[in-house]
Protein backbone atom coordinates (compact mmCIF):
# COMPACT_ATOMS: atom_id res chain seq x y z
CA MET A 1 -1.61 -13.47 -14.19
CA PRO A 2 -3.79 -15.26 -17.37
CA GLY A 3 -4.20 -18.33 -15.34
CA LYS A 4 -5.80 -16.50 -12.58
CA LEU A 5 -7.63 -14.58 -14.51
CA LYS A 6 -9.31 -17.56 -16.04
CA ILE A 7 -9.91 -19.07 -12.67
CA LEU A 8 -11.84 -15.94 -11.28
CA SER A 9 -13.92 -15.73 -14.53
CA GLY A 10 -15.27 -19.19 -13.94
CA LEU A 11 -16.50 -18.25 -10.74
CA ALA A 12 -20.34 -17.58 -10.42
CA PRO A 13 -21.21 -13.74 -10.25
CA GLU A 14 -22.71 -14.00 -6.57
CA ALA A 15 -19.35 -15.43 -5.30
CA THR A 16 -17.98 -13.85 -2.49
CA THR A 17 -14.94 -13.88 -0.54
CA SER A 18 -14.97 -14.98 3.45
CA MET A 19 -13.82 -11.58 4.45
CA GLN A 20 -16.50 -9.94 2.45
CA ARG A 21 -18.94 -12.27 3.84
CA ASP A 22 -17.47 -11.71 7.62
CA ILE A 23 -18.13 -7.91 6.92
CA MET A 24 -21.54 -7.95 5.48
CA ALA A 25 -22.64 -10.36 8.30
CA GLY A 26 -21.32 -7.54 10.81
CA LYS A 27 -18.25 -10.43 12.06
CA PRO A 28 -14.83 -9.34 12.76
CA SER A 29 -12.93 -9.56 9.80
CA GLU A 30 -8.96 -9.67 8.75
CA ILE A 31 -9.17 -6.04 8.05
CA ASP A 32 -8.03 -5.34 11.85
CA GLY A 33 -5.05 -7.41 11.23
CA LEU A 34 -3.82 -6.33 7.60
CA ILE A 35 -4.72 -2.81 7.40
CA TYR A 36 -5.13 -1.53 11.11
CA GLN A 37 -2.73 -3.07 12.82
CA VAL A 38 -0.04 -1.93 10.28
CA VAL A 39 -1.35 1.45 10.55
CA ARG A 40 -1.26 1.22 14.86
CA LEU A 41 2.59 -0.13 14.42
CA GLY A 42 3.56 2.43 12.18
CA ARG A 43 2.31 5.48 14.57
CA GLU A 44 3.71 3.32 17.62
CA TYR A 45 7.16 3.31 16.15
CA GLY A 46 7.03 6.57 14.35
CA VAL A 47 7.21 5.26 10.90
CA SER A 48 4.93 6.90 8.07
CA MET A 49 2.01 5.11 6.68
CA PRO A 50 0.62 6.99 4.00
CA GLN A 51 -1.09 4.42 1.81
CA TYR A 52 -2.28 2.42 4.32
CA GLU A 53 -3.45 5.33 6.47
CA LYS A 54 -5.50 6.11 3.29
CA VAL A 55 -7.02 2.75 2.63
CA ALA A 56 -7.76 2.75 6.64
CA ALA A 57 -9.65 5.94 6.20
CA LYS A 58 -11.26 4.84 2.97
CA LEU A 59 -12.36 1.32 5.01
CA ASP A 60 -13.50 3.81 7.66
CA ALA A 61 -16.04 5.56 5.57
CA GLU A 62 -17.19 2.68 3.34
CA VAL A 63 -17.43 -0.31 6.08
CA ASN A 64 -17.65 1.97 9.04
CA ILE A 65 -15.16 0.39 11.01
CA VAL A 66 -12.96 2.62 13.59
CA LEU A 67 -9.35 2.97 13.99
CA LYS A 68 -8.64 2.15 17.37
């Protein structure tokens, strides 16, 4: 872990991730596949996904992405 933190501390303050840049540009991001698809599959198969649902709800509120 210390090595990873050292790498992060060396990044420029304005550095962003590709997902962050996609969202800021209004482009599709990996959020659907990483979060929303998991929630959809949980609902489809009757599997409770409370933590994923919390994350999806927070993203809906902050990023204005609607769960389909």
